[in-house]
Amino acid sequence: MFDLSKTEWLLILITIGVVFSLEMVNTAIERVVDLITPEFHPLAKIAKDVAAGAVFVFAIISVIIGAIIFFPHFIALVS
């Protein structure tokens, strides 16, 4: 359907890989925090929130990257 260049494919694959990697790091941080302090601690919450925030920020960047890559192809397809 879309004729993507090698560069576009590479950017998409790198973006997907970074999102998955950040999610694994987020999970690891959450598990380590739970292991160290099983009860609620404000600093533990901050560590978890910051790790989740990193995933969220890059997810937004991923949407922007996807829009930049796919929008011109979509417009060409519709025209």
PDB file of N, CA and C in Angstrom:
ATOM      1  N   MET A   1       0.830  -1.181   0.000  1.00  0.00           N
ATOM      2  CA  MET A   1       0.000   0.000   0.000  1.00  0.00           C
ATOM      3  C   MET A   1       0.881   1.254   0.000  1.00  0.00           C
ATOM      4  N   PHE A   2       1.732   1.417   1.008  1.00  0.00           N
ATOM      5  CA  PHE A   2       2.662   2.543   1.053  1.00  0.00           C
ATOM      6  C   PHE A   2       4.024   2.055   0.565  1.00  0.00           C
ATOM      7  N   ASP A   3       4.632   2.822  -0.286  1.00  0.00           N
ATOM      8  CA  ASP A   3       5.959   2.480  -0.789  1.00  0.00           C
ATOM      9  C   ASP A   3       6.988   3.222   0.065  1.00  0.00           C
ATOM     10  N   LEU A   4       7.380   2.618   1.179  1.00  0.00           N
ATOM     11  CA  LEU A   4       8.305   3.270   2.107  1.00  0.00           C
ATOM     12  C   LEU A   4       9.746   3.044   1.672  1.00  0.00           C
ATOM     13  N   SER A   5      10.566   4.067   1.871  1.00  0.00           N
ATOM     14  CA  SER A   5      11.989   3.937   1.564  1.00  0.00           C
ATOM     15  C   SER A   5      12.685   3.142   2.671  1.00  0.00           C
ATOM     16  N   LYS A   6      13.910   2.750   2.405  1.00  0.00           N
ATOM     17  CA  LYS A   6      14.683   2.029   3.426  1.00  0.00           C
ATOM     18  C   LYS A   6      14.897   2.893   4.660  1.00  0.00           C
ATOM     19  N   THR A   7      15.126   4.171   4.451  1.00  0.00           N
ATOM     20  CA  THR A   7      15.323   5.086   5.580  1.00  0.00           C
ATOM     21  C   THR A   7      14.064   5.177   6.434  1.00  0.00           C
ATOM     22  N   GLU A   8      12.907   5.263   5.786  1.00  0.00           N
ATOM     23  CA  GLU A   8      11.647   5.323   6.531  1.00  0.00           C
ATOM     24  C   GLU A   8      11.425   4.034   7.326  1.00  0.00           C
ATOM     25  N   TRP A   9      11.697   2.890   6.700  1.00  0.00           N
ATOM     26  CA  TRP A   9      11.575   1.611   7.406  1.00  0.00           C
ATOM     27  C   TRP A   9      12.506   1.566   8.620  1.00  0.00           C
ATOM     28  N   LEU A  10      13.739   2.025   8.417  1.00  0.00           N
ATOM     29  CA  LEU A  10      14.699   2.022   9.529  1.00  0.00           C
ATOM     30  C   LEU A  10      14.221   2.902  10.674  1.00  0.00           C
ATOM     31  N   LEU A  11      13.706   4.077  10.359  1.00  0.00           N
ATOM     32  CA  LEU A  11      13.198   4.964  11.408  1.00  0.00           C
ATOM     33  C   LEU A  11      12.019   4.338  12.148  1.00  0.00           C
ATOM     34  N   ILE A  12      11.138   3.689  11.411  1.00  0.00           N
ATOM     35  CA  ILE A  12       9.991   3.035  12.044  1.00  0.00           C
ATOM     36  C   ILE A  12      10.459   1.896  12.948  1.00  0.00           C
ATOM     37  N   LEU A  13      11.372   1.063  12.457  1.00  0.00           N
ATOM     38  CA  LEU A  13      11.865  -0.059  13.261  1.00  0.00           C
ATOM     39  C   LEU A  13      12.635   0.415  14.494  1.00  0.00           C
ATOM     40  N   ILE A  14      13.442   1.449  14.342  1.00  0.00           N
ATOM     41  CA  ILE A  14      14.168   1.996  15.495  1.00  0.00           C
ATOM     42  C   ILE A  14      13.190   2.563  16.513  1.00  0.00           C
ATOM     43  N   THR A  15      12.182   3.268  16.034  1.00  0.00           N
ATOM     44  CA  THR A  15      11.172   3.837  16.936  1.00  0.00           C
ATOM     45  C   THR A  15      10.450   2.744  17.711  1.00  0.00           C
ATOM     46  N   ILE A  16      10.035   1.695  17.022  1.00  0.00           N
ATOM     47  CA  ILE A  16       9.365   0.577  17.690  1.00  0.00           C
ATOM     48  C   ILE A  16      10.300  -0.061  18.715  1.00  0.00           C
ATOM     49  N   GLY A  17      11.552  -0.267  18.333  1.00  0.00           N
ATOM     50  CA  GLY A  17      12.524  -0.865  19.241  1.00  0.00           C
ATOM     51  C   GLY A  17      12.763  -0.032  20.489  1.00  0.00           C
ATOM     52  N   VAL A  18      12.830   1.282  20.324  1.00  0.00           N
ATOM     53  CA  VAL A  18      13.047   2.148  21.489  1.00  0.00           C
ATOM     54  C   VAL A  18      11.841   2.113  22.419  1.00  0.00           C
ATOM     55  N   VAL A  19      10.629   2.105  21.858  1.00  0.00           N
ATOM     56  CA  VAL A  19       9.435   2.036  22.710  1.00  0.00           C
ATOM     57  C   VAL A  19       9.429   0.731  23.512  1.00  0.00           C
ATOM     58  N   PHE A  20       9.695  -0.394  22.849  1.00  0.00           N
ATOM     59  CA  PHE A  20       9.735  -1.675  23.560  1.00  0.00           C
ATOM     60  C   PHE A  20      10.847  -1.687  24.615  1.00  0.00           C
ATOM     61  N   SER A  21      11.991  -1.154  24.272  1.00  0.00           N
ATOM     62  CA  SER A  21      13.113  -1.121  25.215  1.00  0.00           C
ATOM     63  C   SER A  21      12.790  -0.260  26.431  1.00  0.00           C
ATOM     64  N   LEU A  22      12.213   0.908  26.195  1.00  0.00           N
ATOM     65  CA  LEU A  22      11.839   1.771  27.317  1.00  0.00           C
ATOM     66  C   LEU A  22      10.786   1.100  28.203  1.00  0.00           C
ATOM     67  N   GLU A  23       9.877   0.381  27.587  1.00  0.00           N
ATOM     68  CA  GLU A  23       8.857  -0.322  28.379  1.00  0.00           C
ATOM     69  C   GLU A  23       9.496  -1.413  29.243  1.00  0.00           C
ATOM     70  N   MET A  24      10.500  -2.107  28.707  1.00  0.00           N
ATOM     71  CA  MET A  24      11.196  -3.123  29.510  1.00  0.00           C
ATOM     72  C   MET A  24      11.974  -2.484  30.656  1.00  0.00           C
ATOM     73  N   VAL A  25      12.614  -1.352  30.392  1.00  0.00           N
ATOM     74  CA  VAL A  25      13.327  -0.636  31.456  1.00  0.00           C
ATOM     75  C   VAL A  25      12.338  -0.152  32.511  1.00  0.00           C
ATOM     76  N   ASN A  26      11.191   0.350  32.082  1.00  0.00           N
ATOM     77  CA  ASN A  26      10.155   0.780  33.018  1.00  0.00           C
ATOM     78  C   ASN A  26       9.708  -0.373  33.911  1.00  0.00           C
ATOM     79  N   THR A  27       9.459  -1.524  33.304  1.00  0.00           N
ATOM     80  CA  THR A  27       9.049  -2.701  34.079  1.00  0.00           C
ATOM     81  C   THR A  27      10.136  -3.117  35.060  1.00  0.00           C
ATOM     82  N   ALA A  28      11.390  -3.093  34.619  1.00  0.00           N
ATOM     83  CA  ALA A  28      12.496  -3.464  35.502  1.00  0.00           C
ATOM     84  C   ALA A  28      12.590  -2.505  36.689  1.00  0.00           C
ATOM     85  N   ILE A  29      12.455  -1.218  36.428  1.00  0.00           N
ATOM     86  CA  ILE A  29      12.518  -0.234  37.524  1.00  0.00           C
ATOM     87  C   ILE A  29      11.371  -0.460  38.494  1.00  0.00           C
ATOM     88  N   GLU A  30      10.179  -0.700  37.988  1.00  0.00           N
ATOM     89  CA  GLU A  30       9.036  -0.939  38.877  1.00  0.00           C
ATOM     90  C   GLU A  30       9.255  -2.184  39.735  1.00  0.00           C
ATOM     91  N   ARG A  31       9.775  -3.251  39.149  1.00  0.00           N
ATOM     92  CA  ARG A  31       9.997  -4.486  39.913  1.00  0.00           C
ATOM     93  C   ARG A  31      11.090  -4.304  40.973  1.00  0.00           C
ATOM     94  N   VAL A  32      12.154  -3.602  40.630  1.00  0.00           N
ATOM     95  CA  VAL A  32      13.230  -3.364  41.596  1.00  0.00           C
ATOM     96  C   VAL A  32      12.730  -2.497  42.747  1.00  0.00           C
ATOM     97  N   VAL A  33      11.960  -1.471  42.429  1.00  0.00           N
ATOM     98  CA  VAL A  33      11.404  -0.613  43.479  1.00  0.00           C
ATOM     99  C   VAL A  33      10.489  -1.432  44.380  1.00  0.00           C
ATOM    100  N   ASP A  34       9.651  -2.278  43.804  1.00  0.00           N
ATOM    101  CA  ASP A  34       8.771  -3.137  44.611  1.00  0.00           C
ATOM    102  C   ASP A  34       9.568  -4.101  45.475  1.00  0.00           C
ATOM    103  N   LEU A  35      10.694  -4.583  44.964  1.00  0.00           N
ATOM    104  CA  LEU A  35      11.533  -5.504  45.716  1.00  0.00           C
ATOM    105  C   LEU A  35      12.190  -4.808  46.910  1.00  0.00           C
ATOM    106  N   ILE A  36      12.650  -3.587  46.681  1.00  0.00           N
ATOM    107  CA  ILE A  36      13.369  -2.867  47.733  1.00  0.00           C
ATOM    108  C   ILE A  36      12.420  -2.334  48.797  1.00  0.00           C
ATOM    109  N   THR A  37      11.296  -1.780  48.389  1.00  0.00           N
ATOM    110  CA  THR A  37      10.358  -1.203  49.344  1.00  0.00           C
ATOM    111  C   THR A  37       8.936  -1.657  49.030  1.00  0.00           C
ATOM    112  N   PRO A  38       8.496  -2.745  49.666  1.00  0.00           N
ATOM    113  CA  PRO A  38       7.156  -3.258  49.384  1.00  0.00           C
ATOM    114  C   PRO A  38       6.036  -2.328  49.864  1.00  0.00           C
ATOM    115  N   GLU A  39       6.316  -1.479  50.857  1.00  0.00           N
ATOM    116  CA  GLU A  39       5.295  -0.533  51.323  1.00  0.00           C
ATOM    117  C   GLU A  39       5.414   0.768  50.524  1.00  0.00           C
ATOM    118  N   PHE A  40       4.383   1.593  50.606  1.00  0.00           N
ATOM    119  CA  PHE A  40       4.379   2.853  49.861  1.00  0.00           C
ATOM    120  C   PHE A  40       5.461   3.785  50.372  1.00  0.00           C
ATOM    121  N   HIS A  41       6.184   4.384  49.444  1.00  0.00           N
ATOM    122  CA  HIS A  41       7.188   5.396  49.776  1.00  0.00           C
ATOM    123  C   HIS A  41       7.131   6.463  48.676  1.00  0.00           C
ATOM    124  N   PRO A  42       7.123   7.738  49.055  1.00  0.00           N
ATOM    125  CA  PRO A  42       7.004   8.798  48.045  1.00  0.00           C
ATOM    126  C   PRO A  42       8.121   8.766  46.992  1.00  0.00           C
ATOM    127  N   LEU A  43       9.345   8.449  47.391  1.00  0.00           N
ATOM    128  CA  LEU A  43      10.441   8.393  46.426  1.00  0.00           C
ATOM    129  C   LEU A  43      10.289   7.210  45.474  1.00  0.00           C
ATOM    130  N   ALA A  44       9.736   6.114  45.965  1.00  0.00           N
ATOM    131  CA  ALA A  44       9.477   4.958  45.102  1.00  0.00           C
ATOM    132  C   ALA A  44       8.438   5.328  44.050  1.00  0.00           C
ATOM    133  N   LYS A  45       7.416   6.074  44.463  1.00  0.00           N
ATOM    134  CA  LYS A  45       6.393   6.521  43.517  1.00  0.00           C
ATOM    135  C   LYS A  45       7.000   7.426  42.457  1.00  0.00           C
ATOM    136  N   ILE A  46       7.887   8.316  42.851  1.00  0.00           N
ATOM    137  CA  ILE A  46       8.532   9.209  41.890  1.00  0.00           C
ATOM    138  C   ILE A  46       9.349   8.413  40.881  1.00  0.00           C
ATOM    139  N   ALA A  47      10.108   7.421  41.360  1.00  0.00           N
ATOM    140  CA  ALA A  47      10.920   6.596  40.461  1.00  0.00           C
ATOM    141  C   ALA A  47      10.033   5.886  39.443  1.00  0.00           C
ATOM    142  N   LYS A  48       8.925   5.326  39.899  1.00  0.00           N
ATOM    143  CA  LYS A  48       8.009   4.640  38.989  1.00  0.00           C
ATOM    144  C   LYS A  48       7.361   5.610  38.007  1.00  0.00           C
ATOM    145  N   ASP A  49       6.954   6.764  38.499  1.00  0.00           N
ATOM    146  CA  ASP A  49       6.302   7.752  37.638  1.00  0.00           C
ATOM    147  C   ASP A  49       7.250   8.292  36.568  1.00  0.00           C
ATOM    148  N   VAL A  50       8.498   8.532  36.939  1.00  0.00           N
ATOM    149  CA  VAL A  50       9.473   9.045  35.978  1.00  0.00           C
ATOM    150  C   VAL A  50       9.754   7.992  34.900  1.00  0.00           C
ATOM    151  N   ALA A  51       9.879   6.738  35.294  1.00  0.00           N
ATOM    152  CA  ALA A  51      10.117   5.670  34.314  1.00  0.00           C
ATOM    153  C   ALA A  51       8.929   5.543  33.362  1.00  0.00           C
ATOM    154  N   ALA A  52       7.727   5.597  33.905  1.00  0.00           N
ATOM    155  CA  ALA A  52       6.538   5.535  33.051  1.00  0.00           C
ATOM    156  C   ALA A  52       6.444   6.772  32.166  1.00  0.00           C
ATOM    157  N   GLY A  53       6.845   7.916  32.697  1.00  0.00           N
ATOM    158  CA  GLY A  53       6.832   9.155  31.920  1.00  0.00           C
ATOM    159  C   GLY A  53       7.773   9.088  30.731  1.00  0.00           C
ATOM    160  N   ALA A  54       8.906   8.432  30.893  1.00  0.00           N
ATOM    161  CA  ALA A  54       9.849   8.288  29.785  1.00  0.00           C
ATOM    162  C   ALA A  54       9.213   7.501  28.643  1.00  0.00           C
ATOM    163  N   VAL A  55       8.472   6.457  28.980  1.00  0.00           N
ATOM    164  CA  VAL A  55       7.775   5.671  27.956  1.00  0.00           C
ATOM    165  C   VAL A  55       6.722   6.542  27.279  1.00  0.00           C
ATOM    166  N   PHE A  56       5.982   7.301  28.071  1.00  0.00           N
ATOM    167  CA  PHE A  56       4.919   8.147  27.533  1.00  0.00           C
ATOM    168  C   PHE A  56       5.466   9.220  26.595  1.00  0.00           C
ATOM    169  N   VAL A  57       6.552   9.870  26.996  1.00  0.00           N
ATOM    170  CA  VAL A  57       7.149  10.917  26.163  1.00  0.00           C
ATOM    171  C   VAL A  57       7.596  10.343  24.823  1.00  0.00           C
ATOM    172  N   PHE A  58       8.262   9.194  24.856  1.00  0.00           N
ATOM    173  CA  PHE A  58       8.710   8.629  23.583  1.00  0.00           C
ATOM    174  C   PHE A  58       7.546   8.079  22.769  1.00  0.00           C
ATOM    175  N   ALA A  59       6.480   7.657  23.424  1.00  0.00           N
ATOM    176  CA  ALA A  59       5.297   7.218  22.671  1.00  0.00           C
ATOM    177  C   ALA A  59       4.718   8.393  21.889  1.00  0.00           C
ATOM    178  N   ILE A  60       4.699   9.566  22.486  1.00  0.00           N
ATOM    179  CA  ILE A  60       4.227  10.760  21.780  1.00  0.00           C
ATOM    180  C   ILE A  60       5.157  11.080  20.609  1.00  0.00           C
ATOM    181  N   ILE A  61       6.463  11.011  20.847  1.00  0.00           N
ATOM    182  CA  ILE A  61       7.430  11.247  19.781  1.00  0.00           C
ATOM    183  C   ILE A  61       7.237  10.220  18.661  1.00  0.00           C
ATOM    184  N   SER A  62       6.924   8.975  19.021  1.00  0.00           N
ATOM    185  CA  SER A  62       6.694   7.934  18.020  1.00  0.00           C
ATOM    186  C   SER A  62       5.499   8.256  17.138  1.00  0.00           C
ATOM    187  N   VAL A  63       4.456   8.783  17.726  1.00  0.00           N
ATOM    188  CA  VAL A  63       3.282   9.180  16.940  1.00  0.00           C
ATOM    189  C   VAL A  63       3.658  10.289  15.966  1.00  0.00           C
ATOM    190  N   ILE A  64       4.455  11.244  16.425  1.00  0.00           N
ATOM    191  CA  ILE A  64       4.894  12.335  15.553  1.00  0.00           C
ATOM    192  C   ILE A  64       5.754  11.791  14.410  1.00  0.00           C
ATOM    193  N   ILE A  65       6.676  10.889  14.730  1.00  0.00           N
ATOM    194  CA  ILE A  65       7.514  10.279  13.692  1.00  0.00           C
ATOM    195  C   ILE A  65       6.644   9.530  12.682  1.00  0.00           C
ATOM    196  N   GLY A  66       5.684   8.760  13.176  1.00  0.00           N
ATOM    197  CA  GLY A  66       4.782   8.036  12.285  1.00  0.00           C
ATOM    198  C   GLY A  66       3.984   8.975  11.399  1.00  0.00           C
ATOM    199  N   ALA A  67       3.520  10.087  11.959  1.00  0.00           N
ATOM    200  CA  ALA A  67       2.759  11.057  11.167  1.00  0.00           C
ATOM    201  C   ALA A  67       3.633  11.682  10.086  1.00  0.00           C
ATOM    202  N   ILE A  68       4.863  12.022  10.442  1.00  0.00           N
ATOM    203  CA  ILE A  68       5.780  12.623   9.464  1.00  0.00           C
ATOM    204  C   ILE A  68       6.063  11.654   8.318  1.00  0.00           C
ATOM    205  N   ILE A  69       6.203  10.380   8.645  1.00  0.00           N
ATOM    206  CA  ILE A  69       6.512   9.383   7.610  1.00  0.00           C
ATOM    207  C   ILE A  69       5.273   9.025   6.785  1.00  0.00           C
ATOM    208  N   PHE A  70       4.142   8.763   7.447  1.00  0.00           N
ATOM    209  CA  PHE A  70       2.990   8.222   6.735  1.00  0.00           C
ATOM    210  C   PHE A  70       2.076   9.271   6.115  1.00  0.00           C
ATOM    211  N   PHE A  71       2.032  10.483   6.653  1.00  0.00           N
ATOM    212  CA  PHE A  71       1.100  11.492   6.146  1.00  0.00           C
ATOM    213  C   PHE A  71       1.305  11.786   4.656  1.00  0.00           C
ATOM    214  N   PRO A  72       2.529  12.036   4.203  1.00  0.00           N
ATOM    215  CA  PRO A  72       2.702  12.289   2.763  1.00  0.00           C
ATOM    216  C   PRO A  72       2.270  11.092   1.892  1.00  0.00           C
ATOM    217  N   HIS A  73       2.525   9.881   2.365  1.00  0.00           N
ATOM    218  CA  HIS A  73       2.129   8.691   1.607  1.00  0.00           C
ATOM    219  C   HIS A  73       0.597   8.566   1.563  1.00  0.00           C
ATOM    220  N   PHE A  74      -0.038   8.887   2.680  1.00  0.00           N
ATOM    221  CA  PHE A  74      -1.497   8.825   2.746  1.00  0.00           C
ATOM    222  C   PHE A  74      -2.130   9.873   1.824  1.00  0.00           C
ATOM    223  N   ILE A  75      -1.576  11.073   1.842  1.00  0.00           N
ATOM    224  CA  ILE A  75      -2.101  12.129   0.981  1.00  0.00           C
ATOM    225  C   ILE A  75      -1.924  11.742  -0.495  1.00  0.00           C
ATOM    226  N   ALA A  76      -0.772  11.166  -0.836  1.00  0.00           N
ATOM    227  CA  ALA A  76      -0.532  10.739  -2.222  1.00  0.00           C
ATOM    228  C   ALA A  76      -1.499   9.626  -2.612  1.00  0.00           C
ATOM    229  N   LEU A  77      -1.842   8.762  -1.668  1.00  0.00           N
ATOM    230  CA  LEU A  77      -2.759   7.658  -1.948  1.00  0.00           C
ATOM    231  C   LEU A  77      -4.172   8.172  -2.172  1.00  0.00           C
ATOM    232  N   VAL A  78      -4.584   9.148  -1.396  1.00  0.00           N
ATOM    233  CA  VAL A  78      -5.931   9.699  -1.493  1.00  0.00           C
ATOM    234  C   VAL A  78      -6.099  10.570  -2.731  1.00  0.00           C
ATOM    235  N   SER A  79      -5.031  11.268  -3.112  1.00  0.00           N
ATOM    236  CA  SER A  79      -5.113  12.196  -4.266  1.00  0.00           C
ATOM    237  C   SER A  79      -5.249  11.478  -5.580  1.00  0.00           C
TER     238      SER A  79
END
